[in-house]
Amino acid sequence: MTTPPQRQVRARYDDRTITVYQAFSPRIAGPALAAGRFVPPFSLDRMTWVKPSFLWMMYRCGWATKPGQERVLAIRITRAGFEAALAQACLSHLDTSVYPDHDAWRAVQQRSPVRVQWDPERDLDLNPLPWRSIQVGLGGATVRDYVERWVVDLTDVTDLAHELGRSRPRDAARLPRERPYPLPCGIASRLGATG
């Protein structure tokens, strides 16, 4: 297997949409699934983090067992929306390969409603791998855009999370098929992507 680039967006996607994952409590996930979109008590007033990597989501939510993260949703959003968010993003930590200095980074951060973190990707046992996966934090007006304009559909993947979490050995063939996502060059540079 070829080692992926250090910072590469890998996701399940088609010509029009990309799948991201979020974990919620049942009181948020239940109404959202019933409505087919995010509705209260989902909050438009706080940052919401989306993750294209299924295994990173499993690491974060403990195979859908952590309190407040017992339901995992696969959310198909428009690629146009995903890229619009990334075009406004600021890295959550100073990276001198992207920003010339701390002041430049802070200036971008202060005017950006979107945060990006590159965190270690995970293997089937949720151990860290030497390459990174993206997390995208949507804040400000982008949360409303996400909810009202970008979401195409929601699917509950909690059962898959539980089944994979319990199984030994875990079957990689059951994972969502993720492949390198073709970021536009300007967005890749803004995020410090390397592939």
N, C-alpha and C. Protein backbone atom coordinates (compact mmCIF):
# COMPACT_ATOMS: atom_id res chain seq x y z
N MET A 1 0.84 -1.19 0.00
CA MET A 1 0.00 0.00 0.00
C MET A 1 0.88 1.25 0.00
N THR A 2 0.55 2.18 -0.85
CA THR A 2 1.28 3.44 -0.92
C THR A 2 0.86 4.33 0.24
N THR A 3 1.83 4.96 0.88
CA THR A 3 1.52 5.87 1.98
C THR A 3 0.88 7.14 1.43
N PRO A 4 -0.29 7.54 1.98
CA PRO A 4 -0.92 8.77 1.51
C PRO A 4 -0.08 10.00 1.85
N PRO A 5 -0.29 11.10 1.13
CA PRO A 5 0.38 12.35 1.49
C PRO A 5 0.04 12.73 2.93
N GLN A 6 0.91 13.50 3.55
CA GLN A 6 0.76 13.88 4.96
C GLN A 6 -0.58 14.53 5.25
N ARG A 7 -1.01 15.46 4.41
CA ARG A 7 -2.30 16.15 4.61
C ARG A 7 -3.11 16.06 3.33
N GLN A 8 -4.04 15.12 3.32
CA GLN A 8 -4.85 14.90 2.13
C GLN A 8 -6.30 14.67 2.57
N VAL A 9 -7.23 15.32 1.90
CA VAL A 9 -8.64 15.05 2.17
C VAL A 9 -9.00 13.75 1.47
N ARG A 10 -9.47 12.78 2.26
CA ARG A 10 -9.96 11.52 1.71
C ARG A 10 -11.40 11.39 2.16
N ALA A 11 -12.27 11.05 1.21
CA ALA A 11 -13.70 11.07 1.51
C ALA A 11 -14.45 10.17 0.55
N ARG A 12 -15.68 9.92 0.92
CA ARG A 12 -16.64 9.27 0.01
C ARG A 12 -17.35 10.41 -0.71
N TYR A 13 -17.33 10.40 -2.02
CA TYR A 13 -17.95 11.50 -2.78
C TYR A 13 -18.35 11.03 -4.17
N ASP A 14 -19.22 11.83 -4.79
CA ASP A 14 -19.59 11.61 -6.19
C ASP A 14 -19.44 12.95 -6.91
N ASP A 15 -20.03 13.07 -8.09
CA ASP A 15 -19.85 14.29 -8.87
C ASP A 15 -20.42 15.52 -8.17
N ARG A 16 -21.44 15.33 -7.33
CA ARG A 16 -22.14 16.47 -6.75
C ARG A 16 -22.03 16.59 -5.24
N THR A 17 -21.78 15.46 -4.55
CA THR A 17 -21.83 15.49 -3.08
C THR A 17 -20.59 14.84 -2.46
N ILE A 18 -20.38 15.16 -1.19
CA ILE A 18 -19.34 14.55 -0.37
C ILE A 18 -20.00 14.14 0.95
N THR A 19 -19.58 13.02 1.51
CA THR A 19 -20.13 12.55 2.78
C THR A 19 -19.21 12.96 3.92
N VAL A 20 -19.81 13.56 4.95
CA VAL A 20 -19.10 13.88 6.19
C VAL A 20 -19.84 13.19 7.33
N TYR A 21 -19.18 13.09 8.46
CA TYR A 21 -19.76 12.40 9.61
C TYR A 21 -19.80 13.31 10.83
N GLN A 22 -20.85 13.12 11.62
CA GLN A 22 -20.98 13.78 12.91
C GLN A 22 -21.63 12.80 13.88
N ALA A 23 -21.26 12.92 15.15
CA ALA A 23 -21.87 12.11 16.20
C ALA A 23 -22.65 13.03 17.13
N PHE A 24 -23.84 12.58 17.52
CA PHE A 24 -24.74 13.38 18.33
C PHE A 24 -25.38 12.52 19.42
N SER A 25 -26.00 13.21 20.36
CA SER A 25 -26.86 12.52 21.31
C SER A 25 -28.14 12.12 20.57
N PRO A 26 -28.86 11.13 21.09
CA PRO A 26 -30.13 10.74 20.46
C PRO A 26 -31.13 11.90 20.38
N ARG A 27 -31.09 12.83 21.33
CA ARG A 27 -32.07 13.92 21.32
C ARG A 27 -31.85 14.89 20.15
N ILE A 28 -30.64 14.91 19.58
CA ILE A 28 -30.39 15.73 18.39
C ILE A 28 -30.55 14.88 17.13
N ALA A 29 -29.97 13.67 17.15
CA ALA A 29 -30.00 12.82 15.96
C ALA A 29 -31.41 12.37 15.60
N GLY A 30 -32.22 12.01 16.61
CA GLY A 30 -33.57 11.50 16.34
C GLY A 30 -34.43 12.49 15.57
N PRO A 31 -34.60 13.72 16.05
CA PRO A 31 -35.40 14.69 15.31
C PRO A 31 -34.82 15.01 13.92
N ALA A 32 -33.49 15.04 13.82
CA ALA A 32 -32.87 15.33 12.52
C ALA A 32 -33.20 14.23 11.51
N LEU A 33 -33.07 12.98 11.93
CA LEU A 33 -33.38 11.88 11.02
C LEU A 33 -34.86 11.85 10.65
N ALA A 34 -35.74 12.15 11.61
CA ALA A 34 -37.17 12.16 11.33
C ALA A 34 -37.53 13.26 10.33
N ALA A 35 -36.85 14.41 10.45
CA ALA A 35 -37.14 15.55 9.55
C ALA A 35 -36.37 15.47 8.24
N GLY A 36 -35.32 14.65 8.21
CA GLY A 36 -34.48 14.59 7.02
C GLY A 36 -33.55 15.79 6.89
N ARG A 37 -33.41 16.54 7.96
CA ARG A 37 -32.51 17.71 7.99
C ARG A 37 -32.32 18.09 9.45
N PHE A 38 -31.37 18.97 9.72
CA PHE A 38 -31.13 19.37 11.10
C PHE A 38 -32.20 20.35 11.57
N VAL A 39 -32.78 20.03 12.71
CA VAL A 39 -33.83 20.84 13.33
C VAL A 39 -33.49 20.96 14.81
N PRO A 40 -34.11 21.89 15.54
CA PRO A 40 -33.87 21.97 16.98
C PRO A 40 -34.13 20.61 17.63
N PRO A 41 -33.31 20.24 18.59
CA PRO A 41 -32.37 21.07 19.35
C PRO A 41 -30.99 21.26 18.74
N PHE A 42 -30.74 20.86 17.49
CA PHE A 42 -29.49 21.22 16.84
C PHE A 42 -29.36 22.73 16.87
N SER A 43 -28.19 23.23 17.26
CA SER A 43 -28.00 24.68 17.41
C SER A 43 -27.28 25.29 16.22
N LEU A 44 -27.85 26.38 15.74
CA LEU A 44 -27.20 27.16 14.67
C LEU A 44 -26.20 28.17 15.24
N ASP A 45 -26.13 28.25 16.56
CA ASP A 45 -25.35 29.30 17.20
C ASP A 45 -24.00 28.85 17.74
N ARG A 46 -23.63 27.61 17.47
CA ARG A 46 -22.32 27.15 17.94
C ARG A 46 -21.60 26.44 16.80
N MET A 47 -20.28 26.38 16.91
CA MET A 47 -19.49 25.72 15.88
C MET A 47 -19.84 24.23 15.84
N THR A 48 -19.96 23.70 14.64
CA THR A 48 -20.25 22.28 14.46
C THR A 48 -19.13 21.69 13.59
N TRP A 49 -18.59 20.55 14.02
CA TRP A 49 -17.43 19.94 13.35
C TRP A 49 -17.86 18.77 12.51
N VAL A 50 -17.40 18.74 11.26
CA VAL A 50 -17.68 17.64 10.34
C VAL A 50 -16.37 16.97 9.95
N LYS A 51 -16.46 15.67 9.70
CA LYS A 51 -15.27 14.86 9.43
C LYS A 51 -15.53 13.95 8.24
N PRO A 52 -14.78 14.07 7.16
CA PRO A 52 -14.95 13.14 6.03
C PRO A 52 -14.42 11.74 6.28
N SER A 53 -13.57 11.56 7.30
CA SER A 53 -12.99 10.25 7.59
C SER A 53 -13.88 9.47 8.56
N PHE A 54 -14.41 8.35 8.10
CA PHE A 54 -15.24 7.50 8.96
C PHE A 54 -14.44 7.00 10.17
N LEU A 55 -13.22 6.54 9.96
CA LEU A 55 -12.45 6.00 11.08
C LEU A 55 -12.04 7.08 12.07
N TRP A 56 -11.79 8.30 11.60
CA TRP A 56 -11.50 9.37 12.56
C TRP A 56 -12.74 9.66 13.39
N MET A 57 -13.92 9.60 12.75
CA MET A 57 -15.16 9.79 13.51
C MET A 57 -15.33 8.68 14.54
N MET A 58 -14.97 7.45 14.16
CA MET A 58 -15.09 6.34 15.10
C MET A 58 -14.14 6.52 16.29
N TYR A 59 -12.95 7.04 16.02
CA TYR A 59 -12.02 7.35 17.11
C TYR A 59 -12.63 8.41 18.03
N ARG A 60 -13.18 9.43 17.45
CA ARG A 60 -13.72 10.55 18.24
C ARG A 60 -14.89 10.12 19.12
N CYS A 61 -15.77 9.25 18.57
CA CYS A 61 -16.98 8.87 19.30
C CYS A 61 -16.88 7.51 19.97
N GLY A 62 -15.73 6.85 19.85
CA GLY A 62 -15.57 5.53 20.48
C GLY A 62 -16.54 4.50 19.93
N TRP A 63 -16.65 4.43 18.60
CA TRP A 63 -17.60 3.50 17.96
C TRP A 63 -19.03 3.77 18.44
N ALA A 64 -19.36 5.05 18.58
CA ALA A 64 -20.71 5.50 18.98
C ALA A 64 -21.08 5.04 20.39
N THR A 65 -20.11 5.11 21.30
CA THR A 65 -20.39 4.72 22.69
C THR A 65 -20.16 5.85 23.68
N LYS A 66 -19.52 6.94 23.27
CA LYS A 66 -19.23 8.01 24.22
C LYS A 66 -20.50 8.81 24.53
N PRO A 67 -20.64 9.27 25.75
CA PRO A 67 -21.82 10.06 26.11
C PRO A 67 -21.97 11.29 25.21
N GLY A 68 -23.20 11.49 24.73
CA GLY A 68 -23.47 12.61 23.83
C GLY A 68 -23.08 12.34 22.39
N GLN A 69 -22.51 11.17 22.12
CA GLN A 69 -22.09 10.81 20.75
C GLN A 69 -22.56 9.40 20.39
N GLU A 70 -23.72 9.04 20.88
CA GLU A 70 -24.21 7.68 20.71
C GLU A 70 -24.84 7.40 19.35
N ARG A 71 -25.08 8.43 18.58
CA ARG A 71 -25.65 8.25 17.23
C ARG A 71 -24.72 8.91 16.23
N VAL A 72 -24.35 8.16 15.20
CA VAL A 72 -23.45 8.69 14.16
C VAL A 72 -24.25 8.84 12.87
N LEU A 73 -24.16 10.02 12.30
CA LEU A 73 -24.84 10.31 11.05
C LEU A 73 -23.83 10.49 9.93
N ALA A 74 -24.15 9.90 8.78
CA ALA A 74 -23.44 10.18 7.53
C ALA A 74 -24.27 11.27 6.84
N ILE A 75 -23.64 12.38 6.58
CA ILE A 75 -24.35 13.54 6.03
C ILE A 75 -23.79 13.82 4.65
N ARG A 76 -24.62 13.67 3.64
CA ARG A 76 -24.19 14.05 2.29
C ARG A 76 -24.46 15.53 2.12
N ILE A 77 -23.40 16.26 1.77
CA ILE A 77 -23.54 17.70 1.51
C ILE A 77 -23.02 17.98 0.11
N THR A 78 -23.39 19.14 -0.41
CA THR A 78 -22.92 19.47 -1.75
C THR A 78 -21.42 19.72 -1.73
N ARG A 79 -20.76 19.32 -2.79
CA ARG A 79 -19.34 19.63 -2.92
C ARG A 79 -19.14 21.14 -3.00
N ALA A 80 -20.07 21.83 -3.63
CA ALA A 80 -19.97 23.28 -3.72
C ALA A 80 -19.97 23.90 -2.32
N GLY A 81 -20.83 23.41 -1.44
CA GLY A 81 -20.88 23.91 -0.07
C GLY A 81 -19.61 23.57 0.70
N PHE A 82 -19.14 22.34 0.57
CA PHE A 82 -17.92 21.92 1.24
C PHE A 82 -16.75 22.80 0.83
N GLU A 83 -16.64 23.04 -0.46
CA GLU A 83 -15.53 23.86 -0.95
C GLU A 83 -15.71 25.33 -0.58
N ALA A 84 -16.95 25.81 -0.52
CA ALA A 84 -17.20 27.19 -0.07
C ALA A 84 -16.74 27.36 1.37
N ALA A 85 -17.01 26.36 2.21
CA ALA A 85 -16.55 26.43 3.60
C ALA A 85 -15.02 26.45 3.66
N LEU A 86 -14.38 25.55 2.93
CA LEU A 86 -12.92 25.48 2.97
C LEU A 86 -12.26 26.74 2.41
N ALA A 87 -12.92 27.38 1.46
CA ALA A 87 -12.38 28.62 0.88
C ALA A 87 -12.36 29.76 1.90
N GLN A 88 -13.11 29.62 3.00
CA GLN A 88 -13.14 30.63 4.06
C GLN A 88 -12.34 30.19 5.29
N ALA A 89 -11.73 29.02 5.23
CA ALA A 89 -11.17 28.41 6.43
C ALA A 89 -9.83 29.01 6.85
N CYS A 90 -9.60 28.88 8.14
CA CYS A 90 -8.32 29.20 8.75
C CYS A 90 -7.88 27.98 9.53
N LEU A 91 -6.60 27.64 9.46
CA LEU A 91 -6.10 26.54 10.28
C LEU A 91 -6.25 26.90 11.75
N SER A 92 -6.58 25.92 12.55
CA SER A 92 -6.82 26.17 13.97
C SER A 92 -5.51 26.40 14.73
N HIS A 93 -4.38 26.05 14.13
CA HIS A 93 -3.08 26.28 14.76
C HIS A 93 -2.14 26.93 13.74
N LEU A 94 -1.23 27.74 14.23
CA LEU A 94 -0.25 28.40 13.36
C LEU A 94 0.58 27.36 12.62
N ASP A 95 0.67 27.52 11.32
CA ASP A 95 1.51 26.67 10.48
C ASP A 95 2.30 27.63 9.59
N THR A 96 3.61 27.70 9.81
CA THR A 96 4.41 28.68 9.07
C THR A 96 4.62 28.30 7.61
N SER A 97 4.18 27.11 7.20
CA SER A 97 4.20 26.81 5.77
C SER A 97 3.00 27.42 5.06
N VAL A 98 2.01 27.89 5.85
CA VAL A 98 0.81 28.51 5.30
C VAL A 98 0.78 30.01 5.58
N TYR A 99 1.17 30.41 6.79
CA TYR A 99 1.13 31.81 7.21
C TYR A 99 2.55 32.29 7.49
N PRO A 100 2.90 33.50 7.06
CA PRO A 100 4.27 33.96 7.27
C PRO A 100 4.65 34.15 8.74
N ASP A 101 3.65 34.47 9.58
CA ASP A 101 3.95 34.68 11.00
C ASP A 101 2.65 34.63 11.80
N HIS A 102 2.79 34.75 13.12
CA HIS A 102 1.66 34.66 14.03
C HIS A 102 0.62 35.74 13.75
N ASP A 103 1.06 36.96 13.48
CA ASP A 103 0.13 38.06 13.23
C ASP A 103 -0.71 37.81 11.97
N ALA A 104 -0.09 37.28 10.93
CA ALA A 104 -0.83 36.98 9.70
C ALA A 104 -1.88 35.91 9.96
N TRP A 105 -1.49 34.87 10.70
CA TRP A 105 -2.44 33.81 11.04
C TRP A 105 -3.60 34.35 11.86
N ARG A 106 -3.31 35.17 12.88
CA ARG A 106 -4.38 35.74 13.72
C ARG A 106 -5.32 36.62 12.91
N ALA A 107 -4.79 37.36 11.94
CA ALA A 107 -5.63 38.22 11.10
C ALA A 107 -6.61 37.38 10.29
N VAL A 108 -6.14 36.28 9.72
CA VAL A 108 -7.03 35.39 8.96
C VAL A 108 -8.03 34.75 9.90
N GLN A 109 -7.57 34.30 11.05
CA GLN A 109 -8.43 33.63 12.02
C GLN A 109 -9.58 34.55 12.47
N GLN A 110 -9.29 35.82 12.67
CA GLN A 110 -10.30 36.75 13.17
C GLN A 110 -11.42 37.00 12.17
N ARG A 111 -11.14 36.84 10.87
CA ARG A 111 -12.20 37.10 9.89
C ARG A 111 -12.80 35.83 9.28
N SER A 112 -12.30 34.67 9.73
CA SER A 112 -12.78 33.40 9.17
C SER A 112 -13.78 32.72 10.10
N PRO A 113 -14.94 32.31 9.57
CA PRO A 113 -15.90 31.57 10.40
C PRO A 113 -15.65 30.06 10.43
N VAL A 114 -14.65 29.59 9.68
CA VAL A 114 -14.42 28.16 9.52
C VAL A 114 -13.01 27.81 10.01
N ARG A 115 -12.91 26.71 10.76
CA ARG A 115 -11.62 26.22 11.24
C ARG A 115 -11.32 24.87 10.62
N VAL A 116 -10.05 24.64 10.35
CA VAL A 116 -9.60 23.34 9.86
C VAL A 116 -8.51 22.82 10.77
N GLN A 117 -8.63 21.55 11.14
CA GLN A 117 -7.59 20.84 11.88
C GLN A 117 -7.18 19.61 11.08
N TRP A 118 -5.90 19.34 11.10
CA TRP A 118 -5.37 18.12 10.51
C TRP A 118 -4.95 17.21 11.65
N ASP A 119 -5.66 16.12 11.86
CA ASP A 119 -5.41 15.21 12.96
C ASP A 119 -4.99 13.84 12.43
N PRO A 120 -4.22 13.08 13.21
CA PRO A 120 -3.78 11.77 12.73
C PRO A 120 -4.95 10.88 12.30
N GLU A 121 -4.85 10.35 11.08
CA GLU A 121 -5.84 9.36 10.62
C GLU A 121 -5.71 8.13 11.51
N ARG A 122 -6.72 7.28 11.48
CA ARG A 122 -6.77 6.10 12.35
C ARG A 122 -6.87 4.83 11.54
N ASP A 123 -6.33 3.75 12.10
CA ASP A 123 -6.48 2.44 11.46
C ASP A 123 -7.74 1.76 12.02
N LEU A 124 -7.95 0.50 11.65
CA LEU A 124 -9.16 -0.21 12.06
C LEU A 124 -9.27 -0.41 13.56
N ASP A 125 -8.14 -0.34 14.26
CA ASP A 125 -8.16 -0.44 15.72
C ASP A 125 -8.08 0.93 16.38
N LEU A 126 -8.23 1.96 15.56
CA LEU A 126 -8.24 3.37 15.98
C LEU A 126 -6.89 3.86 16.49
N ASN A 127 -5.83 3.16 16.11
CA ASN A 127 -4.48 3.63 16.41
C ASN A 127 -4.11 4.74 15.43
N PRO A 128 -3.30 5.71 15.86
CA PRO A 128 -2.92 6.80 14.95
C PRO A 128 -2.01 6.32 13.83
N LEU A 129 -2.23 6.88 12.67
CA LEU A 129 -1.40 6.62 11.50
C LEU A 129 -0.51 7.84 11.26
N PRO A 130 0.55 7.71 10.48
CA PRO A 130 1.48 8.83 10.30
C PRO A 130 0.99 9.94 9.36
N TRP A 131 -0.17 9.75 8.74
CA TRP A 131 -0.71 10.82 7.90
C TRP A 131 -1.97 11.38 8.56
N ARG A 132 -2.46 12.49 8.02
CA ARG A 132 -3.50 13.26 8.69
C ARG A 132 -4.82 13.27 7.92
N SER A 133 -5.89 13.47 8.69
CA SER A 133 -7.23 13.65 8.14
C SER A 133 -7.75 15.02 8.55
N ILE A 134 -8.66 15.52 7.76
CA ILE A 134 -9.18 16.87 8.00
C ILE A 134 -10.44 16.81 8.86
N GLN A 135 -10.53 17.80 9.75
CA GLN A 135 -11.77 18.11 10.46
C GLN A 135 -12.11 19.54 10.11
N VAL A 136 -13.37 19.82 9.89
CA VAL A 136 -13.79 21.17 9.49
C VAL A 136 -14.81 21.67 10.50
N GLY A 137 -14.49 22.78 11.14
CA GLY A 137 -15.39 23.42 12.10
C GLY A 137 -16.14 24.56 11.44
N LEU A 138 -17.46 24.42 11.36
CA LEU A 138 -18.30 25.44 10.74
C LEU A 138 -18.85 26.35 11.82
N GLY A 139 -18.64 27.63 11.67
CA GLY A 139 -19.15 28.60 12.63
C GLY A 139 -19.83 29.76 11.91
N GLY A 140 -20.44 30.64 12.70
CA GLY A 140 -21.08 31.81 12.14
C GLY A 140 -22.13 31.46 11.10
N ALA A 141 -22.17 32.22 10.02
CA ALA A 141 -23.18 32.03 8.98
C ALA A 141 -23.02 30.70 8.24
N THR A 142 -21.83 30.09 8.31
CA THR A 142 -21.66 28.82 7.59
C THR A 142 -22.48 27.69 8.21
N VAL A 143 -22.81 27.79 9.49
CA VAL A 143 -23.65 26.75 10.10
C VAL A 143 -25.04 26.78 9.46
N ARG A 144 -25.60 27.97 9.29
CA ARG A 144 -26.91 28.08 8.64
C ARG A 144 -26.84 27.62 7.19
N ASP A 145 -25.76 27.98 6.48
CA ASP A 145 -25.60 27.50 5.10
C ASP A 145 -25.56 25.97 5.07
N TYR A 146 -24.82 25.39 5.98
CA TYR A 146 -24.72 23.94 6.07
C TYR A 146 -26.10 23.31 6.24
N VAL A 147 -26.85 23.80 7.20
CA VAL A 147 -28.15 23.23 7.54
C VAL A 147 -29.19 23.49 6.45
N GLU A 148 -29.22 24.71 5.93
CA GLU A 148 -30.31 25.11 5.04
C GLU A 148 -30.00 24.95 3.55
N ARG A 149 -28.72 24.93 3.17
CA ARG A 149 -28.40 24.92 1.75
C ARG A 149 -27.54 23.73 1.30
N TRP A 150 -26.67 23.24 2.18
CA TRP A 150 -25.69 22.26 1.73
C TRP A 150 -26.09 20.82 2.00
N VAL A 151 -26.83 20.55 3.06
CA VAL A 151 -27.18 19.16 3.39
C VAL A 151 -28.14 18.61 2.34
N VAL A 152 -27.78 17.46 1.79
CA VAL A 152 -28.62 16.76 0.81
C VAL A 152 -29.45 15.69 1.51
N ASP A 153 -28.81 14.88 2.36
CA ASP A 153 -29.54 13.89 3.14
C ASP A 153 -28.71 13.41 4.31
N LEU A 154 -29.39 12.76 5.25
CA LEU A 154 -28.79 12.23 6.47
C LEU A 154 -29.08 10.73 6.55
N THR A 155 -28.08 9.96 6.95
CA THR A 155 -28.24 8.52 7.13
C THR A 155 -27.66 8.13 8.47
N ASP A 156 -28.38 7.31 9.21
CA ASP A 156 -27.89 6.81 10.49
C ASP A 156 -26.95 5.64 10.24
N VAL A 157 -25.69 5.76 10.66
CA VAL A 157 -24.72 4.68 10.50
C VAL A 157 -24.27 4.14 11.86
N THR A 158 -25.11 4.37 12.88
CA THR A 158 -24.78 3.92 14.23
C THR A 158 -24.64 2.40 14.31
N ASP A 159 -25.54 1.66 13.66
CA ASP A 159 -25.46 0.20 13.71
C ASP A 159 -24.13 -0.29 13.13
N LEU A 160 -23.71 0.30 12.02
CA LEU A 160 -22.43 -0.08 11.42
C LEU A 160 -21.29 0.22 12.41
N ALA A 161 -21.34 1.38 13.06
CA ALA A 161 -20.31 1.73 14.05
C ALA A 161 -20.27 0.69 15.18
N HIS A 162 -21.43 0.32 15.69
CA HIS A 162 -21.47 -0.67 16.78
C HIS A 162 -20.96 -2.03 16.32
N GLU A 163 -21.40 -2.47 15.13
CA GLU A 163 -20.98 -3.79 14.64
C GLU A 163 -19.48 -3.84 14.42
N LEU A 164 -18.92 -2.80 13.81
CA LEU A 164 -17.48 -2.77 13.58
C LEU A 164 -16.72 -2.68 14.90
N GLY A 165 -17.26 -1.89 15.83
CA GLY A 165 -16.61 -1.74 17.12
C GLY A 165 -16.51 -3.04 17.89
N ARG A 166 -17.52 -3.91 17.75
CA ARG A 166 -17.55 -5.20 18.47
C ARG A 166 -16.76 -6.30 17.77
N SER A 167 -16.62 -6.21 16.45
CA SER A 167 -16.07 -7.34 15.69
C SER A 167 -14.55 -7.44 15.83
N ARG A 168 -14.06 -8.67 15.81
CA ARG A 168 -12.62 -8.96 15.83
C ARG A 168 -12.37 -10.14 14.89
N PRO A 169 -11.54 -10.05 13.90
CA PRO A 169 -10.95 -8.80 13.45
C PRO A 169 -11.98 -7.95 12.72
N ARG A 170 -11.72 -6.68 12.59
CA ARG A 170 -12.65 -5.79 11.89
C ARG A 170 -12.47 -5.95 10.38
N ASP A 171 -13.58 -5.93 9.67
CA ASP A 171 -13.58 -6.16 8.23
C ASP A 171 -13.47 -4.83 7.49
N ALA A 172 -12.31 -4.56 6.93
CA ALA A 172 -12.08 -3.30 6.21
C ALA A 172 -13.03 -3.15 5.02
N ALA A 173 -13.51 -4.26 4.49
CA ALA A 173 -14.43 -4.19 3.34
C ALA A 173 -15.76 -3.55 3.70
N ARG A 174 -16.09 -3.49 5.00
CA ARG A 174 -17.36 -2.89 5.42
C ARG A 174 -17.26 -1.38 5.60
N LEU A 175 -16.05 -0.84 5.55
CA LEU A 175 -15.88 0.60 5.72
C LEU A 175 -16.39 1.35 4.50
N PRO A 176 -16.89 2.57 4.70
CA PRO A 176 -17.22 3.39 3.53
C PRO A 176 -15.96 3.59 2.68
N ARG A 177 -16.12 3.53 1.37
CA ARG A 177 -14.97 3.64 0.47
C ARG A 177 -14.59 5.12 0.32
N GLU A 178 -13.44 5.47 0.87
CA GLU A 178 -12.95 6.84 0.81
C GLU A 178 -11.76 6.90 -0.14
N ARG A 179 -11.69 7.97 -0.91
CA ARG A 179 -10.60 8.15 -1.86
C ARG A 179 -10.16 9.61 -1.83
N PRO A 180 -8.99 9.91 -2.38
CA PRO A 180 -8.52 11.30 -2.36
C PRO A 180 -9.52 12.25 -3.03
N TYR A 181 -9.78 13.33 -2.34
CA TYR A 181 -10.74 14.34 -2.83
C TYR A 181 -9.95 15.42 -3.58
N PRO A 182 -10.41 15.78 -4.79
CA PRO A 182 -9.66 16.74 -5.61
C PRO A 182 -9.92 18.20 -5.18
N LEU A 183 -9.16 18.66 -4.20
CA LEU A 183 -9.31 20.05 -3.77
C LEU A 183 -8.81 21.00 -4.85
N PRO A 184 -9.54 22.08 -5.10
CA PRO A 184 -8.99 23.12 -5.98
C PRO A 184 -7.67 23.65 -5.42
N CYS A 185 -6.75 24.03 -6.29
CA CYS A 185 -5.40 24.42 -5.86
C CYS A 185 -5.39 25.54 -4.83
N GLY A 186 -6.21 26.56 -5.03
CA GLY A 186 -6.23 27.68 -4.09
C GLY A 186 -6.66 27.26 -2.71
N ILE A 187 -7.63 26.35 -2.63
CA ILE A 187 -8.10 25.86 -1.33
C ILE A 187 -7.04 24.97 -0.70
N ALA A 188 -6.39 24.12 -1.50
CA ALA A 188 -5.34 23.25 -0.98
C ALA A 188 -4.23 24.08 -0.34
N SER A 189 -3.84 25.15 -1.01
CA SER A 189 -2.79 26.03 -0.47
C SER A 189 -3.24 26.68 0.83
N ARG A 190 -4.49 27.14 0.87
CA ARG A 190 -5.01 27.80 2.06
C ARG A 190 -5.01 26.88 3.27
N LEU A 191 -5.18 25.57 3.04
CA LEU A 191 -5.28 24.59 4.12
C LEU A 191 -3.96 23.88 4.42
N GLY A 192 -2.93 24.16 3.63
CA GLY A 192 -1.67 23.46 3.82
C GLY A 192 -1.75 22.00 3.42
N ALA A 193 -2.68 21.66 2.52
CA ALA A 193 -2.82 20.28 2.04
C ALA A 193 -1.58 19.91 1.22
N THR A 194 -1.21 18.64 1.30
CA THR A 194 -0.01 18.19 0.58
C THR A 194 -0.31 17.11 -0.45
N GLY A 195 -1.59 16.92 -0.74
CA GLY A 195 -1.92 15.91 -1.74
C GLY A 195 -3.39 15.97 -2.09
